[in-house]
């Protein structure tokens, strides 16, 4: 497949696109579900109108930076859905880091839009390939999917074990073996990754605690700093400075 032929550079005709508040949730889910399912055909059809599908709240008065923020947010979400689709965490995060660094270097909004489309296609292809040769066992894939679909809830090993139909001890054992970290650590990491996306979209720590299921803002800040060696506010400041 010649990926370069699937998405072409186009002039953004709708100058008021980013005056809208957000992409309709249904449209966002349709796009991200294509990534999760490895559905190349449906994805390509949606990417033909990428500029009208993805609309984020205004995060910068600079139009180029607005596109960069939009692209970073979209890639972060797409990466999470790819993991829900079975792509390994290592591969997904390596993809995300590479693409965000590449977007950071772009200086034209149309280049950003096209690069975003091309990379989402590559990510979906990776999910599609992985589904044919899954990286994780069925129990672990089912466990990971439940976690990512219930991040706002308190998730215990007992609940996950019941969902997967196996004992808590066995689930913890095989999760550590296949994923390489404790189940509780993985759950917290997924909550914090979602929090990172929300921070870049302008959500407050209070709103994030509610959405991602943290017991308090103090605990959220402490956990965030433990994982990323910076506070949430420092993360937002540094990320946006690096994109300027």
C-alpha atoms as a PDB file:
ATOM      1  CA  UNK A   1       0.000   0.000   0.000  1.00  0.00           C
ATOM      2  CA  UNK A   2       1.307   3.449  -0.944  1.00  0.00           C
ATOM      3  CA  UNK A   3       0.293   5.464   2.090  1.00  0.00           C
ATOM      4  CA  UNK A   4       1.342   8.709   0.452  1.00  0.00           C
ATOM      5  CA  UNK A   5      -1.447   8.378  -2.083  1.00  0.00           C
ATOM      6  CA  UNK A   6      -4.178   8.052   0.537  1.00  0.00           C
ATOM      7  CA  UNK A   7      -3.938  11.531   2.047  1.00  0.00           C
ATOM      8  CA  UNK A   8      -3.156  14.584  -0.070  1.00  0.00           C
ATOM      9  CA  UNK A   9      -2.169  18.104   0.919  1.00  0.00           C
ATOM     10  CA  UNK A  10      -5.152  20.416   0.815  1.00  0.00           C
ATOM     11  CA  UNK A  11      -5.837  24.038   1.649  1.00  0.00           C
ATOM     12  CA  UNK A  12      -7.982  24.553   4.710  1.00  0.00           C
ATOM     13  CA  UNK A  13     -11.002  26.367   3.306  1.00  0.00           C
ATOM     14  CA  UNK A  14     -12.991  26.652   6.526  1.00  0.00           C
ATOM     15  CA  UNK A  15     -11.243  29.498   8.316  1.00  0.00           C
ATOM     16  CA  UNK A  16     -13.666  29.287  11.238  1.00  0.00           C
ATOM     17  CA  UNK A  17     -13.126  25.564  11.843  1.00  0.00           C
ATOM     18  CA  UNK A  18     -11.481  26.121  15.199  1.00  0.00           C
ATOM     19  CA  UNK A  19     -14.113  28.589  16.380  1.00  0.00           C
ATOM     20  CA  UNK A  20     -16.299  25.581  17.076  1.00  0.00           C
ATOM     21  CA  UNK A  21     -15.918  24.264  20.599  1.00  0.00           C
ATOM     22  CA  UNK A  22     -15.114  20.584  20.019  1.00  0.00           C
ATOM     23  CA  UNK A  23     -15.478  17.738  17.581  1.00  0.00           C
ATOM     24  CA  UNK A  24     -18.862  16.012  17.984  1.00  0.00           C
ATOM     25  CA  UNK A  25     -18.214  13.065  20.298  1.00  0.00           C
ATOM     26  CA  UNK A  26     -19.810  10.634  17.836  1.00  0.00           C
ATOM     27  CA  UNK A  27     -17.430  11.670  15.045  1.00  0.00           C
ATOM     28  CA  UNK A  28     -14.414  11.425  17.345  1.00  0.00           C
ATOM     29  CA  UNK A  29     -15.422   7.934  18.467  1.00  0.00           C
ATOM     30  CA  UNK A  30     -15.973   6.766  14.870  1.00  0.00           C
ATOM     31  CA  UNK A  31     -12.457   7.839  13.922  1.00  0.00           C
ATOM     32  CA  UNK A  32     -10.790   6.386  17.013  1.00  0.00           C
ATOM     33  CA  UNK A  33     -12.796   3.171  16.753  1.00  0.00           C
ATOM     34  CA  UNK A  34     -11.320   2.648  13.283  1.00  0.00           C
ATOM     35  CA  UNK A  35      -7.879   2.726  14.918  1.00  0.00           C
ATOM     36  CA  UNK A  36      -8.971   0.360  17.683  1.00  0.00           C
ATOM     37  CA  UNK A  37     -10.463  -2.136  15.221  1.00  0.00           C
ATOM     38  CA  UNK A  38      -7.678  -1.836  12.638  1.00  0.00           C
ATOM     39  CA  UNK A  39     -10.378  -0.864  10.115  1.00  0.00           C
ATOM     40  CA  UNK A  40      -8.348   0.659   7.287  1.00  0.00           C
ATOM     41  CA  UNK A  41     -11.201   1.039   4.814  1.00  0.00           C
ATOM     42  CA  UNK A  42     -13.426   3.082   7.120  1.00  0.00           C
ATOM     43  CA  UNK A  43     -10.463   5.081   8.415  1.00  0.00           C
ATOM     44  CA  UNK A  44      -9.353   6.191   4.962  1.00  0.00           C
ATOM     45  CA  UNK A  45     -12.874   7.319   4.128  1.00  0.00           C
ATOM     46  CA  UNK A  46     -12.922   9.505   7.245  1.00  0.00           C
ATOM     47  CA  UNK A  47      -9.428  10.911   6.673  1.00  0.00           C
ATOM     48  CA  UNK A  48     -10.525  12.426   3.371  1.00  0.00           C
ATOM     49  CA  UNK A  49     -12.328  15.027   5.483  1.00  0.00           C
ATOM     50  CA  UNK A  50      -9.870  15.146   8.376  1.00  0.00           C
ATOM     51  CA  UNK A  51      -9.925  18.930   8.776  1.00  0.00           C
ATOM     52  CA  UNK A  52     -13.694  18.957   9.246  1.00  0.00           C
ATOM     53  CA  UNK A  53     -13.717  15.933  11.584  1.00  0.00           C
ATOM     54  CA  UNK A  54     -11.194  16.987  14.214  1.00  0.00           C
ATOM     55  CA  UNK A  55     -12.068  20.277  15.897  1.00  0.00           C
ATOM     56  CA  UNK A  56     -10.568  21.157  19.264  1.00  0.00           C
ATOM     57  CA  UNK A  57     -11.224  23.980  21.689  1.00  0.00           C
ATOM     58  CA  UNK A  58      -9.027  27.001  21.019  1.00  0.00           C
ATOM     59  CA  UNK A  59      -5.731  26.451  22.838  1.00  0.00           C
ATOM     60  CA  UNK A  60      -3.651  29.135  21.137  1.00  0.00           C
ATOM     61  CA  UNK A  61      -4.186  32.396  19.282  1.00  0.00           C
ATOM     62  CA  UNK A  62      -1.440  31.250  16.917  1.00  0.00           C
ATOM     63  CA  UNK A  63      -3.030  29.152  14.180  1.00  0.00           C
ATOM     64  CA  UNK A  64       0.037  26.968  13.635  1.00  0.00           C
ATOM     65  CA  UNK A  65       0.228  26.180  17.341  1.00  0.00           C
ATOM     66  CA  UNK A  66      -3.492  25.435  17.349  1.00  0.00           C
ATOM     67  CA  UNK A  67      -2.887  22.757  14.712  1.00  0.00           C
ATOM     68  CA  UNK A  68       0.061  21.360  16.629  1.00  0.00           C
ATOM     69  CA  UNK A  69      -1.959  21.088  19.820  1.00  0.00           C
ATOM     70  CA  UNK A  70      -4.792  19.450  17.887  1.00  0.00           C
ATOM     71  CA  UNK A  71      -2.404  16.934  16.320  1.00  0.00           C
ATOM     72  CA  UNK A  72      -0.749  16.045  19.630  1.00  0.00           C
ATOM     73  CA  UNK A  73      -4.107  15.554  21.338  1.00  0.00           C
ATOM     74  CA  UNK A  74      -5.368  13.385  18.488  1.00  0.00           C
ATOM     75  CA  UNK A  75      -2.251  11.214  18.408  1.00  0.00           C
ATOM     76  CA  UNK A  76      -2.419  10.741  22.181  1.00  0.00           C
ATOM     77  CA  UNK A  77      -6.031   9.566  21.966  1.00  0.00           C
ATOM     78  CA  UNK A  78      -5.358   7.379  18.926  1.00  0.00           C
ATOM     79  CA  UNK A  79      -2.438   5.732  20.735  1.00  0.00           C
ATOM     80  CA  UNK A  80      -4.678   4.834  23.664  1.00  0.00           C
ATOM     81  CA  UNK A  81      -7.288   3.320  21.339  1.00  0.00           C
ATOM     82  CA  UNK A  82      -4.560   1.363  19.550  1.00  0.00           C
ATOM     83  CA  UNK A  83      -3.601  -0.182  22.900  1.00  0.00           C
ATOM     84  CA  UNK A  84      -7.247  -1.026  23.494  1.00  0.00           C
ATOM     85  CA  UNK A  85      -7.127  -2.736  20.112  1.00  0.00           C
ATOM     86  CA  UNK A  86      -4.273  -4.945  21.316  1.00  0.00           C
ATOM     87  CA  UNK A  87      -1.132  -3.042  20.274  1.00  0.00           C
ATOM     88  CA  UNK A  88       1.605  -3.393  22.883  1.00  0.00           C
ATOM     89  CA  UNK A  89       2.193  -0.496  25.242  1.00  0.00           C
ATOM     90  CA  UNK A  90       5.859  -0.330  24.231  1.00  0.00           C
ATOM     91  CA  UNK A  91       5.054  -0.063  20.528  1.00  0.00           C
ATOM     92  CA  UNK A  92       2.221   2.411  21.081  1.00  0.00           C
ATOM     93  CA  UNK A  93       4.198   4.815  23.247  1.00  0.00           C
ATOM     94  CA  UNK A  94       7.243   4.627  20.952  1.00  0.00           C
ATOM     95  CA  UNK A  95       4.933   5.557  18.065  1.00  0.00           C
ATOM     96  CA  UNK A  96       3.432   8.451  20.033  1.00  0.00           C
ATOM     97  CA  UNK A  97       6.812   9.890  21.037  1.00  0.00           C
ATOM     98  CA  UNK A  98       8.135   9.687  17.472  1.00  0.00           C
ATOM     99  CA  UNK A  99       5.109  11.371  15.918  1.00  0.00           C
ATOM    100  CA  UNK A 100       4.871  14.166  18.483  1.00  0.00           C
ATOM    101  CA  UNK A 101       8.555  14.983  17.957  1.00  0.00           C
ATOM    102  CA  UNK A 102       8.000  15.045  14.186  1.00  0.00           C
ATOM    103  CA  UNK A 103       4.961  17.326  14.478  1.00  0.00           C
ATOM    104  CA  UNK A 104       6.952  19.647  16.713  1.00  0.00           C
ATOM    105  CA  UNK A 105       9.345  20.318  13.816  1.00  0.00           C
ATOM    106  CA  UNK A 106       6.671  21.140  11.209  1.00  0.00           C
ATOM    107  CA  UNK A 107       6.060  24.753  10.205  1.00  0.00           C
ATOM    108  CA  UNK A 108       2.961  24.528   8.000  1.00  0.00           C
ATOM    109  CA  UNK A 109      -0.581  23.708   9.138  1.00  0.00           C
ATOM    110  CA  UNK A 110      -1.325  21.615   6.044  1.00  0.00           C
ATOM    111  CA  UNK A 111       1.844  19.596   6.594  1.00  0.00           C
ATOM    112  CA  UNK A 112       0.659  18.920  10.140  1.00  0.00           C
ATOM    113  CA  UNK A 113      -2.745  17.768   8.934  1.00  0.00           C
ATOM    114  CA  UNK A 114      -1.287  15.460   6.298  1.00  0.00           C
ATOM    115  CA  UNK A 115       1.355  14.064   8.664  1.00  0.00           C
ATOM    116  CA  UNK A 116      -1.372  13.382  11.205  1.00  0.00           C
ATOM    117  CA  UNK A 117      -3.402  11.473   8.625  1.00  0.00           C
ATOM    118  CA  UNK A 118      -0.421   9.432   7.453  1.00  0.00           C
ATOM    119  CA  UNK A 119       0.591   8.502  10.992  1.00  0.00           C
ATOM    120  CA  UNK A 120      -2.922   7.483  12.005  1.00  0.00           C
ATOM    121  CA  UNK A 121      -2.983   5.205   8.969  1.00  0.00           C
ATOM    122  CA  UNK A 122       0.319   3.643  10.049  1.00  0.00           C
ATOM    123  CA  UNK A 123      -0.993   3.183  13.576  1.00  0.00           C
ATOM    124  CA  UNK A 124      -4.166   1.520  12.310  1.00  0.00           C
ATOM    125  CA  UNK A 125      -2.114  -0.767  10.081  1.00  0.00           C
ATOM    126  CA  UNK A 126      -0.066  -1.786  13.117  1.00  0.00           C
ATOM    127  CA  UNK A 127      -3.254  -2.641  15.024  1.00  0.00           C
ATOM    128  CA  UNK A 128      -4.599  -4.568  12.043  1.00  0.00           C
ATOM    129  CA  UNK A 129      -1.378  -6.574  11.763  1.00  0.00           C
ATOM    130  CA  UNK A 130      -1.325  -7.230  15.503  1.00  0.00           C
ATOM    131  CA  UNK A 131      -4.873  -8.597  15.433  1.00  0.00           C
ATOM    132  CA  UNK A 132      -3.666 -11.257  13.020  1.00  0.00           C
ATOM    133  CA  UNK A 133      -0.728 -12.028  15.305  1.00  0.00           C
ATOM    134  CA  UNK A 134      -1.794 -10.722  18.755  1.00  0.00           C
ATOM    135  CA  UNK A 135       0.976  -9.691  21.124  1.00  0.00           C
ATOM    136  CA  UNK A 136      -0.932 -10.603  24.276  1.00  0.00           C
ATOM    137  CA  UNK A 137      -3.024 -13.514  25.475  1.00  0.00           C
ATOM    138  CA  UNK A 138      -6.851 -13.207  25.353  1.00  0.00           C
ATOM    139  CA  UNK A 139      -7.108 -12.733  29.134  1.00  0.00           C
ATOM    140  CA  UNK A 140      -4.650  -9.850  29.102  1.00  0.00           C
ATOM    141  CA  UNK A 141      -6.264  -8.173  26.094  1.00  0.00           C
ATOM    142  CA  UNK A 142      -9.657  -8.430  27.807  1.00  0.00           C
ATOM    143  CA  UNK A 143      -8.183  -7.034  31.023  1.00  0.00           C
ATOM    144  CA  UNK A 144      -6.536  -4.079  29.232  1.00  0.00           C
ATOM    145  CA  UNK A 145      -9.709  -3.262  27.347  1.00  0.00           C
ATOM    146  CA  UNK A 146     -11.744  -3.195  30.558  1.00  0.00           C
ATOM    147  CA  UNK A 147      -9.218  -0.888  32.203  1.00  0.00           C
ATOM    148  CA  UNK A 148      -9.202   1.586  29.343  1.00  0.00           C
ATOM    149  CA  UNK A 149     -12.994   1.629  29.130  1.00  0.00           C
ATOM    150  CA  UNK A 150     -13.448   2.211  32.883  1.00  0.00           C
ATOM    151  CA  UNK A 151     -10.724   4.663  33.833  1.00  0.00           C
ATOM    152  CA  UNK A 152     -13.176   6.865  35.738  1.00  0.00           C
ATOM    153  CA  UNK A 153     -13.979   3.975  38.094  1.00  0.00           C
ATOM    154  CA  UNK A 154     -12.070   2.384  40.957  1.00  0.00           C
ATOM    155  CA  UNK A 155     -10.599  -0.734  39.334  1.00  0.00           C
ATOM    156  CA  UNK A 156      -9.494  -3.599  41.570  1.00  0.00           C
ATOM    157  CA  UNK A 157      -7.673  -6.798  40.690  1.00  0.00           C
ATOM    158  CA  UNK A 158     -10.677  -8.745  41.993  1.00  0.00           C
ATOM    159  CA  UNK A 159     -13.038  -6.943  39.597  1.00  0.00           C
ATOM    160  CA  UNK A 160     -10.678  -7.505  36.664  1.00  0.00           C
ATOM    161  CA  UNK A 161     -10.226 -11.166  37.551  1.00  0.00           C
ATOM    162  CA  UNK A 162     -13.986 -11.657  37.677  1.00  0.00           C
ATOM    163  CA  UNK A 163     -14.356  -9.909  34.319  1.00  0.00           C
ATOM    164  CA  UNK A 164     -11.730 -12.207  32.787  1.00  0.00           C
ATOM    165  CA  UNK A 165     -13.071 -15.336  34.500  1.00  0.00           C
ATOM    166  CA  UNK A 166      -9.829 -16.263  36.259  1.00  0.00           C
ATOM    167  CA  UNK A 167      -8.427 -15.936  39.789  1.00  0.00           C
ATOM    168  CA  UNK A 168      -6.899 -12.677  40.992  1.00  0.00           C
ATOM    169  CA  UNK A 169      -3.540 -14.338  41.733  1.00  0.00           C
ATOM    170  CA  UNK A 170      -3.343 -15.897  38.276  1.00  0.00           C
ATOM    171  CA  UNK A 171      -4.299 -12.635  36.544  1.00  0.00           C
ATOM    172  CA  UNK A 172      -1.650 -10.723  38.484  1.00  0.00           C
ATOM    173  CA  UNK A 173       0.942 -13.353  37.604  1.00  0.00           C
ATOM    174  CA  UNK A 174       0.303 -13.468  33.860  1.00  0.00           C
ATOM    175  CA  UNK A 175      -0.133  -9.677  33.634  1.00  0.00           C
ATOM    176  CA  UNK A 176       3.278  -9.101  35.186  1.00  0.00           C
ATOM    177  CA  UNK A 177       4.807 -11.706  32.870  1.00  0.00           C
ATOM    178  CA  UNK A 178       3.287 -10.347  29.636  1.00  0.00           C
ATOM    179  CA  UNK A 179       3.194  -6.591  30.290  1.00  0.00           C
ATOM    180  CA  UNK A 180       6.275  -6.263  32.478  1.00  0.00           C
ATOM    181  CA  UNK A 181       4.747  -4.255  35.322  1.00  0.00           C
ATOM    182  CA  UNK A 182       2.338  -4.820  38.173  1.00  0.00           C
ATOM    183  CA  UNK A 183      -1.352  -4.605  37.377  1.00  0.00           C
ATOM    184  CA  UNK A 184      -1.951  -1.804  39.889  1.00  0.00           C
ATOM    185  CA  UNK A 185       0.905   0.220  38.381  1.00  0.00           C
ATOM    186  CA  UNK A 186      -0.479  -0.273  34.887  1.00  0.00           C
ATOM    187  CA  UNK A 187      -3.949   0.929  35.967  1.00  0.00           C
ATOM    188  CA  UNK A 188      -2.493   4.062  37.527  1.00  0.00           C
ATOM    189  CA  UNK A 189      -0.345   4.721  34.468  1.00  0.00           C
ATOM    190  CA  UNK A 190      -3.374   4.535  32.158  1.00  0.00           C
ATOM    191  CA  UNK A 191      -5.273   6.975  34.358  1.00  0.00           C
ATOM    192  CA  UNK A 192      -2.334   9.378  34.282  1.00  0.00           C
ATOM    193  CA  UNK A 193      -1.941   9.090  30.504  1.00  0.00           C
ATOM    194  CA  UNK A 194      -5.586  10.076  30.107  1.00  0.00           C
ATOM    195  CA  UNK A 195      -4.989  12.913  32.553  1.00  0.00           C
ATOM    196  CA  UNK A 196      -2.098  14.187  30.401  1.00  0.00           C
ATOM    197  CA  UNK A 197      -4.393  14.481  27.401  1.00  0.00           C
ATOM    198  CA  UNK A 198      -7.017  16.279  29.460  1.00  0.00           C
ATOM    199  CA  UNK A 199      -4.418  18.703  30.830  1.00  0.00           C
ATOM    200  CA  UNK A 200      -3.387  19.695  27.306  1.00  0.00           C
ATOM    201  CA  UNK A 201      -7.047  20.213  26.459  1.00  0.00           C
ATOM    202  CA  UNK A 202      -7.408  22.720  29.284  1.00  0.00           C
ATOM    203  CA  UNK A 203      -9.144  20.644  31.958  1.00  0.00           C
ATOM    204  CA  UNK A 204      -8.539  21.573  35.595  1.00  0.00           C
ATOM    205  CA  UNK A 205      -7.085  19.134  38.122  1.00  0.00           C
ATOM    206  CA  UNK A 206     -10.471  19.051  39.836  1.00  0.00           C
ATOM    207  CA  UNK A 207     -12.262  17.994  36.649  1.00  0.00           C
ATOM    208  CA  UNK A 208      -9.565  15.419  35.898  1.00  0.00           C
ATOM    209  CA  UNK A 209      -9.908  13.857  39.347  1.00  0.00           C
ATOM    210  CA  UNK A 210     -13.619  13.381  38.693  1.00  0.00           C
ATOM    211  CA  UNK A 211     -13.175  12.056  35.155  1.00  0.00           C
ATOM    212  CA  UNK A 212     -10.249   9.732  35.857  1.00  0.00           C
ATOM    213  CA  UNK A 213     -11.277   8.563  39.306  1.00  0.00           C
ATOM    214  CA  UNK A 214      -8.635  10.022  41.623  1.00  0.00           C
ATOM    215  CA  UNK A 215      -9.696  10.339  45.248  1.00  0.00           C
ATOM    216  CA  UNK A 216      -8.237  13.837  45.635  1.00  0.00           C
ATOM    217  CA  UNK A 217      -6.288  16.520  43.781  1.00  0.00           C
ATOM    218  CA  UNK A 218      -3.372  16.032  46.184  1.00  0.00           C
ATOM    219  CA  UNK A 219      -3.149  12.337  45.327  1.00  0.00           C
ATOM    220  CA  UNK A 220      -3.389  13.103  41.612  1.00  0.00           C
ATOM    221  CA  UNK A 221      -0.533  15.614  41.774  1.00  0.00           C
ATOM    222  CA  UNK A 222       1.598  13.262  43.894  1.00  0.00           C
ATOM    223  CA  UNK A 223       1.058  10.319  41.529  1.00  0.00           C
ATOM    224  CA  UNK A 224       1.698  12.484  38.468  1.00  0.00           C
ATOM    225  CA  UNK A 225       4.969  13.765  39.893  1.00  0.00           C
ATOM    226  CA  UNK A 226       6.057  10.249  40.870  1.00  0.00           C
ATOM    227  CA  UNK A 227       5.556   8.960  37.317  1.00  0.00           C
ATOM    228  CA  UNK A 228       6.743  11.958  35.286  1.00  0.00           C
ATOM    229  CA  UNK A 229       9.054  13.869  37.683  1.00  0.00           C
ATOM    230  CA  UNK A 230       7.014  17.058  37.292  1.00  0.00           C
ATOM    231  CA  UNK A 231       3.696  18.452  38.444  1.00  0.00           C
ATOM    232  CA  UNK A 232       0.680  18.623  36.097  1.00  0.00           C
ATOM    233  CA  UNK A 233       1.092  22.391  35.686  1.00  0.00           C
ATOM    234  CA  UNK A 234       4.792  21.970  34.901  1.00  0.00           C
ATOM    235  CA  UNK A 235       3.911  19.299  32.320  1.00  0.00           C
ATOM    236  CA  UNK A 236       1.521  21.639  30.504  1.00  0.00           C
ATOM    237  CA  UNK A 237       4.014  24.516  30.563  1.00  0.00           C
ATOM    238  CA  UNK A 238       6.957  22.415  29.334  1.00  0.00           C
ATOM    239  CA  UNK A 239       4.958  20.623  26.634  1.00  0.00           C
ATOM    240  CA  UNK A 240       3.633  23.857  25.173  1.00  0.00           C
ATOM    241  CA  UNK A 241       7.028  25.569  25.344  1.00  0.00           C
ATOM    242  CA  UNK A 242       8.584  22.654  23.439  1.00  0.00           C
ATOM    243  CA  UNK A 243       6.014  23.079  20.684  1.00  0.00           C
ATOM    244  CA  UNK A 244       6.636  26.779  20.164  1.00  0.00           C
END
